[in-house]
């Protein structure tokens, strides 16, 4: 019995003319992720300054609560309180709290 030759299948690669290119800009973070990030940054700064331990505990609790139920209401409240604290600290010592942190908190609060 003679064996039949097997034809090899060669696929031609054809570049599609409508190939999509990746956009060079970063995708924007959703609002809720922004408020979570802002609260984490505020918590870290409060810890660095070693002030407002009660507020630190409440922010930490709200972050845990948000991660469990995805309800950001508490995070917005804590961000407002942290903003007031940071503005007070900036009045006494402008170099203690970065302007960027304050502006990030304000942006997150405006995006509600």
N, C-alpha and C. Protein backbone atom coordinates (compact mmCIF):
# COMPACT_ATOMS: atom_id res chain seq x y z
N UNK A 1 0.82 -1.17 0.00
CA UNK A 1 0.00 0.00 0.00
C UNK A 1 0.87 1.24 0.00
N UNK A 2 0.54 2.09 -0.87
CA UNK A 2 1.28 3.33 -0.97
C UNK A 2 0.63 4.39 -0.08
N UNK A 3 1.47 5.13 0.58
CA UNK A 3 0.94 6.19 1.44
C UNK A 3 0.73 7.45 0.62
N UNK A 4 -0.35 8.13 0.94
CA UNK A 4 -0.65 9.39 0.25
C UNK A 4 0.18 10.50 0.89
N UNK A 5 0.72 11.34 0.08
CA UNK A 5 1.46 12.47 0.65
C UNK A 5 0.50 13.43 1.38
N UNK A 6 0.96 13.89 2.51
CA UNK A 6 0.16 14.81 3.32
C UNK A 6 0.48 16.24 2.89
N UNK A 7 -0.57 16.98 2.61
CA UNK A 7 -0.38 18.37 2.23
C UNK A 7 -0.27 19.21 3.51
N UNK A 8 0.73 20.00 3.54
CA UNK A 8 0.87 20.88 4.72
C UNK A 8 0.06 22.15 4.48
N UNK A 9 -0.57 22.57 5.51
CA UNK A 9 -1.41 23.76 5.41
C UNK A 9 -0.57 24.94 5.87
N UNK A 10 -0.42 25.89 5.00
CA UNK A 10 0.33 27.09 5.31
C UNK A 10 -0.64 28.25 5.31
N UNK A 11 -0.71 28.90 6.46
CA UNK A 11 -1.59 30.06 6.55
C UNK A 11 -0.80 31.30 6.20
N UNK A 12 -1.41 32.08 5.38
CA UNK A 12 -0.78 33.34 5.02
C UNK A 12 -1.20 34.39 6.03
N UNK A 13 -0.22 35.12 6.50
CA UNK A 13 -0.56 36.18 7.43
C UNK A 13 -0.86 37.45 6.64
N UNK A 14 -2.03 37.92 6.83
CA UNK A 14 -2.46 39.11 6.12
C UNK A 14 -2.73 40.19 7.17
N UNK A 15 -2.05 41.28 7.00
CA UNK A 15 -2.25 42.37 7.94
C UNK A 15 -3.57 43.04 7.61
N UNK A 16 -4.39 43.17 8.61
CA UNK A 16 -5.68 43.82 8.37
C UNK A 16 -5.46 45.32 8.26
N UNK A 17 -6.09 45.94 7.31
CA UNK A 17 -5.88 47.37 7.12
C UNK A 17 -6.45 48.20 8.26
N UNK A 18 -7.39 47.66 8.98
CA UNK A 18 -8.01 48.42 10.06
C UNK A 18 -7.49 47.96 11.42
N UNK A 19 -6.21 47.67 11.50
CA UNK A 19 -5.64 47.23 12.77
C UNK A 19 -5.70 48.39 13.75
N UNK A 20 -6.19 48.12 14.94
CA UNK A 20 -6.33 49.16 15.94
C UNK A 20 -5.03 49.31 16.72
N UNK A 21 -4.66 50.53 16.93
CA UNK A 21 -3.46 50.81 17.72
C UNK A 21 -3.88 51.14 19.14
N UNK A 22 -3.02 50.78 20.07
CA UNK A 22 -3.30 51.09 21.47
C UNK A 22 -3.16 52.59 21.67
N UNK A 23 -4.05 53.15 22.43
CA UNK A 23 -3.99 54.58 22.67
C UNK A 23 -2.85 54.88 23.64
N UNK A 24 -2.10 55.94 23.39
CA UNK A 24 -0.95 56.24 24.23
C UNK A 24 -1.33 56.80 25.60
N UNK A 25 -2.56 57.32 25.75
CA UNK A 25 -2.94 57.90 27.03
C UNK A 25 -3.40 56.81 28.00
N UNK A 26 -3.21 57.11 29.28
CA UNK A 26 -3.63 56.16 30.31
C UNK A 26 -5.14 56.17 30.43
N UNK A 27 -5.73 55.02 30.68
CA UNK A 27 -7.16 55.04 30.93
C UNK A 27 -7.42 55.69 32.29
N UNK A 28 -8.50 56.45 32.36
CA UNK A 28 -8.81 57.15 33.60
C UNK A 28 -9.39 56.18 34.61
N UNK A 29 -9.00 56.39 35.86
CA UNK A 29 -9.51 55.54 36.93
C UNK A 29 -10.96 55.91 37.22
N UNK A 30 -11.77 54.93 37.51
CA UNK A 30 -13.14 55.26 37.87
C UNK A 30 -13.18 56.12 39.12
N UNK A 31 -14.26 56.86 39.28
CA UNK A 31 -14.39 57.78 40.41
C UNK A 31 -14.23 57.06 41.74
N UNK A 32 -14.81 55.90 41.85
CA UNK A 32 -14.80 55.19 43.12
C UNK A 32 -13.38 54.76 43.48
N UNK A 33 -12.61 54.33 42.51
CA UNK A 33 -11.23 53.96 42.80
C UNK A 33 -10.44 55.19 43.21
N UNK A 34 -10.77 56.35 42.64
CA UNK A 34 -10.05 57.57 42.98
C UNK A 34 -10.29 57.94 44.44
N UNK A 35 -11.54 57.84 44.91
CA UNK A 35 -11.82 58.19 46.30
C UNK A 35 -11.18 57.19 47.25
N UNK A 36 -11.09 55.94 46.83
CA UNK A 36 -10.41 54.94 47.67
C UNK A 36 -8.92 55.26 47.78
N UNK A 37 -8.30 55.60 46.67
CA UNK A 37 -6.88 55.94 46.65
C UNK A 37 -6.60 57.19 47.48
N UNK A 38 -7.47 58.18 47.35
CA UNK A 38 -7.30 59.43 48.10
C UNK A 38 -7.36 59.16 49.61
N UNK A 39 -8.29 58.31 50.01
CA UNK A 39 -8.39 57.99 51.45
C UNK A 39 -7.18 57.21 51.93
N UNK A 40 -6.65 56.33 51.11
CA UNK A 40 -5.43 55.61 51.50
C UNK A 40 -4.27 56.57 51.66
N UNK A 41 -4.15 57.54 50.71
CA UNK A 41 -3.08 58.53 50.81
C UNK A 41 -3.25 59.41 52.05
N UNK A 42 -4.49 59.81 52.32
CA UNK A 42 -4.75 60.63 53.51
C UNK A 42 -4.41 59.87 54.78
N UNK A 43 -4.78 58.61 54.82
CA UNK A 43 -4.47 57.78 55.99
C UNK A 43 -2.96 57.68 56.20
N UNK A 44 -2.23 57.44 55.12
CA UNK A 44 -0.77 57.35 55.22
C UNK A 44 -0.16 58.66 55.71
N UNK A 45 -0.68 59.79 55.23
CA UNK A 45 -0.14 61.09 55.64
C UNK A 45 -0.46 61.37 57.10
N UNK A 46 -1.68 61.02 57.52
CA UNK A 46 -2.03 61.19 58.93
C UNK A 46 -1.12 60.36 59.82
N UNK A 47 -0.81 59.15 59.37
CA UNK A 47 0.11 58.29 60.14
C UNK A 47 1.51 58.88 60.18
N UNK A 48 1.97 59.43 59.04
CA UNK A 48 3.30 60.04 58.99
C UNK A 48 3.40 61.23 59.95
N UNK A 49 2.33 62.03 59.98
CA UNK A 49 2.33 63.20 60.85
C UNK A 49 2.01 62.85 62.30
N UNK A 50 1.51 61.63 62.52
CA UNK A 50 1.14 61.14 63.84
C UNK A 50 0.10 62.05 64.50
N UNK A 51 -0.96 62.36 63.73
CA UNK A 51 -2.05 63.19 64.25
C UNK A 51 -3.38 62.50 63.97
N UNK A 52 -4.39 62.93 64.71
CA UNK A 52 -5.77 62.49 64.49
C UNK A 52 -5.92 60.97 64.45
N UNK A 53 -5.55 60.32 65.55
CA UNK A 53 -5.66 58.86 65.59
C UNK A 53 -7.10 58.39 65.43
N UNK A 54 -8.05 59.16 65.94
CA UNK A 54 -9.46 58.80 65.79
C UNK A 54 -9.88 58.81 64.33
N UNK A 55 -9.46 59.83 63.61
CA UNK A 55 -9.76 59.92 62.18
C UNK A 55 -9.07 58.80 61.41
N UNK A 56 -7.86 58.48 61.81
CA UNK A 56 -7.14 57.37 61.17
C UNK A 56 -7.93 56.08 61.30
N UNK A 57 -8.43 55.82 62.50
CA UNK A 57 -9.20 54.60 62.73
C UNK A 57 -10.49 54.59 61.92
N UNK A 58 -11.15 55.74 61.82
CA UNK A 58 -12.39 55.81 61.06
C UNK A 58 -12.15 55.63 59.56
N UNK A 59 -11.07 56.21 59.05
CA UNK A 59 -10.74 56.03 57.62
C UNK A 59 -10.44 54.56 57.35
N UNK A 60 -9.66 53.96 58.23
CA UNK A 60 -9.32 52.55 58.05
C UNK A 60 -10.59 51.69 58.07
N UNK A 61 -11.51 51.99 58.97
CA UNK A 61 -12.76 51.24 59.04
C UNK A 61 -13.58 51.44 57.77
N UNK A 62 -13.66 52.70 57.30
CA UNK A 62 -14.44 52.99 56.09
C UNK A 62 -13.84 52.31 54.87
N UNK A 63 -12.53 52.23 54.79
CA UNK A 63 -11.89 51.53 53.66
C UNK A 63 -12.26 50.05 53.68
N UNK A 64 -12.23 49.44 54.86
CA UNK A 64 -12.62 48.04 54.97
C UNK A 64 -14.09 47.84 54.63
N UNK A 65 -14.92 48.75 55.09
CA UNK A 65 -16.35 48.67 54.80
C UNK A 65 -16.61 48.82 53.31
N UNK A 66 -15.91 49.77 52.68
CA UNK A 66 -16.07 49.98 51.24
C UNK A 66 -15.67 48.73 50.47
N UNK A 67 -14.57 48.12 50.87
CA UNK A 67 -14.11 46.92 50.16
C UNK A 67 -15.09 45.76 50.32
N UNK A 68 -15.86 45.77 51.39
CA UNK A 68 -16.84 44.70 51.61
C UNK A 68 -18.14 44.94 50.86
N UNK A 69 -18.62 46.21 50.86
CA UNK A 69 -19.93 46.45 50.26
C UNK A 69 -19.95 47.41 49.08
N UNK A 70 -18.80 47.98 48.71
CA UNK A 70 -18.67 48.89 47.57
C UNK A 70 -19.55 50.13 47.67
N UNK A 71 -19.84 50.58 48.89
CA UNK A 71 -20.61 51.80 49.11
C UNK A 71 -19.63 52.90 49.55
N UNK A 72 -19.38 53.91 48.69
CA UNK A 72 -18.34 54.90 48.97
C UNK A 72 -18.76 56.08 49.83
N UNK A 73 -19.98 56.10 50.37
CA UNK A 73 -20.46 57.25 51.13
C UNK A 73 -19.52 57.61 52.28
N UNK A 74 -19.11 56.63 53.04
CA UNK A 74 -18.22 56.89 54.17
C UNK A 74 -16.87 57.43 53.74
N UNK A 75 -16.39 56.98 52.59
CA UNK A 75 -15.11 57.46 52.09
C UNK A 75 -15.16 58.94 51.76
N UNK A 76 -16.28 59.39 51.20
CA UNK A 76 -16.42 60.82 50.89
C UNK A 76 -16.45 61.65 52.18
N UNK A 77 -17.14 61.16 53.19
CA UNK A 77 -17.21 61.86 54.46
C UNK A 77 -15.82 61.95 55.10
N UNK A 78 -15.08 60.86 55.08
CA UNK A 78 -13.74 60.85 55.67
C UNK A 78 -12.79 61.74 54.88
N UNK A 79 -12.94 61.78 53.57
CA UNK A 79 -12.09 62.65 52.76
C UNK A 79 -12.33 64.11 53.10
N UNK A 80 -13.60 64.48 53.33
CA UNK A 80 -13.92 65.86 53.72
C UNK A 80 -13.27 66.20 55.05
N UNK A 81 -13.36 65.28 56.00
CA UNK A 81 -12.77 65.53 57.32
C UNK A 81 -11.25 65.62 57.23
N UNK A 82 -10.63 64.74 56.44
CA UNK A 82 -9.17 64.77 56.29
C UNK A 82 -8.74 66.07 55.60
N UNK A 83 -9.53 66.52 54.64
CA UNK A 83 -9.21 67.77 53.94
C UNK A 83 -9.19 68.94 54.93
N UNK A 84 -10.17 69.00 55.83
CA UNK A 84 -10.19 70.06 56.83
C UNK A 84 -8.96 69.99 57.73
N UNK A 85 -8.58 68.79 58.13
CA UNK A 85 -7.40 68.62 58.99
C UNK A 85 -6.14 69.07 58.25
N UNK A 86 -6.01 68.66 57.00
CA UNK A 86 -4.80 69.01 56.24
C UNK A 86 -4.72 70.51 55.97
N UNK A 87 -5.85 71.15 55.74
CA UNK A 87 -5.83 72.60 55.54
C UNK A 87 -5.39 73.30 56.81
N UNK A 88 -5.83 72.80 57.96
CA UNK A 88 -5.41 73.37 59.24
C UNK A 88 -3.92 73.19 59.48
N UNK A 89 -3.42 72.03 59.13
CA UNK A 89 -1.98 71.75 59.29
C UNK A 89 -1.17 72.63 58.35
N UNK A 90 -1.68 72.83 57.15
CA UNK A 90 -0.96 73.66 56.16
C UNK A 90 -0.87 75.11 56.60
N UNK A 91 -1.87 75.58 57.34
CA UNK A 91 -1.81 76.95 57.84
C UNK A 91 -0.66 77.13 58.82
N UNK A 92 -0.42 76.11 59.64
CA UNK A 92 0.65 76.18 60.63
C UNK A 92 2.01 75.91 60.00
N UNK A 93 2.06 74.91 59.11
CA UNK A 93 3.32 74.51 58.48
C UNK A 93 3.04 74.12 57.03
N UNK A 94 3.25 75.03 56.09
CA UNK A 94 2.90 74.77 54.68
C UNK A 94 3.64 73.57 54.07
N UNK A 95 4.78 73.24 54.60
CA UNK A 95 5.55 72.13 54.01
C UNK A 95 5.16 70.77 54.57
N UNK A 96 4.31 70.73 55.59
CA UNK A 96 3.95 69.47 56.22
C UNK A 96 3.07 68.60 55.33
N UNK A 97 2.18 69.23 54.57
CA UNK A 97 1.25 68.50 53.71
C UNK A 97 1.43 69.01 52.29
N UNK A 98 1.63 68.08 51.37
CA UNK A 98 1.84 68.45 49.97
C UNK A 98 0.58 69.05 49.36
N UNK A 99 0.78 70.03 48.51
CA UNK A 99 -0.33 70.66 47.80
C UNK A 99 -1.04 69.65 46.93
N UNK A 100 -0.30 68.73 46.37
CA UNK A 100 -0.89 67.73 45.48
C UNK A 100 -1.88 66.85 46.23
N UNK A 101 -1.57 66.49 47.47
CA UNK A 101 -2.49 65.68 48.26
C UNK A 101 -3.81 66.42 48.48
N UNK A 102 -3.71 67.69 48.84
CA UNK A 102 -4.91 68.50 49.07
C UNK A 102 -5.71 68.63 47.78
N UNK A 103 -5.03 68.88 46.67
CA UNK A 103 -5.75 69.03 45.39
C UNK A 103 -6.37 67.71 44.94
N UNK A 104 -5.70 66.59 45.20
CA UNK A 104 -6.27 65.28 44.84
C UNK A 104 -7.54 64.99 45.64
N UNK A 105 -7.53 65.36 46.91
CA UNK A 105 -8.71 65.16 47.74
C UNK A 105 -9.85 66.03 47.22
N UNK A 106 -9.54 67.27 46.89
CA UNK A 106 -10.58 68.17 46.37
C UNK A 106 -11.15 67.66 45.06
N UNK A 107 -10.30 67.17 44.17
CA UNK A 107 -10.78 66.62 42.90
C UNK A 107 -11.69 65.42 43.12
N UNK A 108 -11.30 64.54 44.03
CA UNK A 108 -12.10 63.34 44.30
C UNK A 108 -13.46 63.73 44.88
N UNK A 109 -13.48 64.75 45.71
CA UNK A 109 -14.74 65.18 46.30
C UNK A 109 -15.65 65.85 45.25
N UNK A 110 -15.06 66.54 44.29
CA UNK A 110 -15.86 67.16 43.24
C UNK A 110 -16.45 66.14 42.29
N UNK A 111 -15.83 64.98 42.19
CA UNK A 111 -16.27 63.98 41.21
C UNK A 111 -17.43 63.12 41.69
N UNK A 112 -18.00 63.44 42.84
CA UNK A 112 -19.11 62.63 43.36
C UNK A 112 -20.25 62.56 42.39
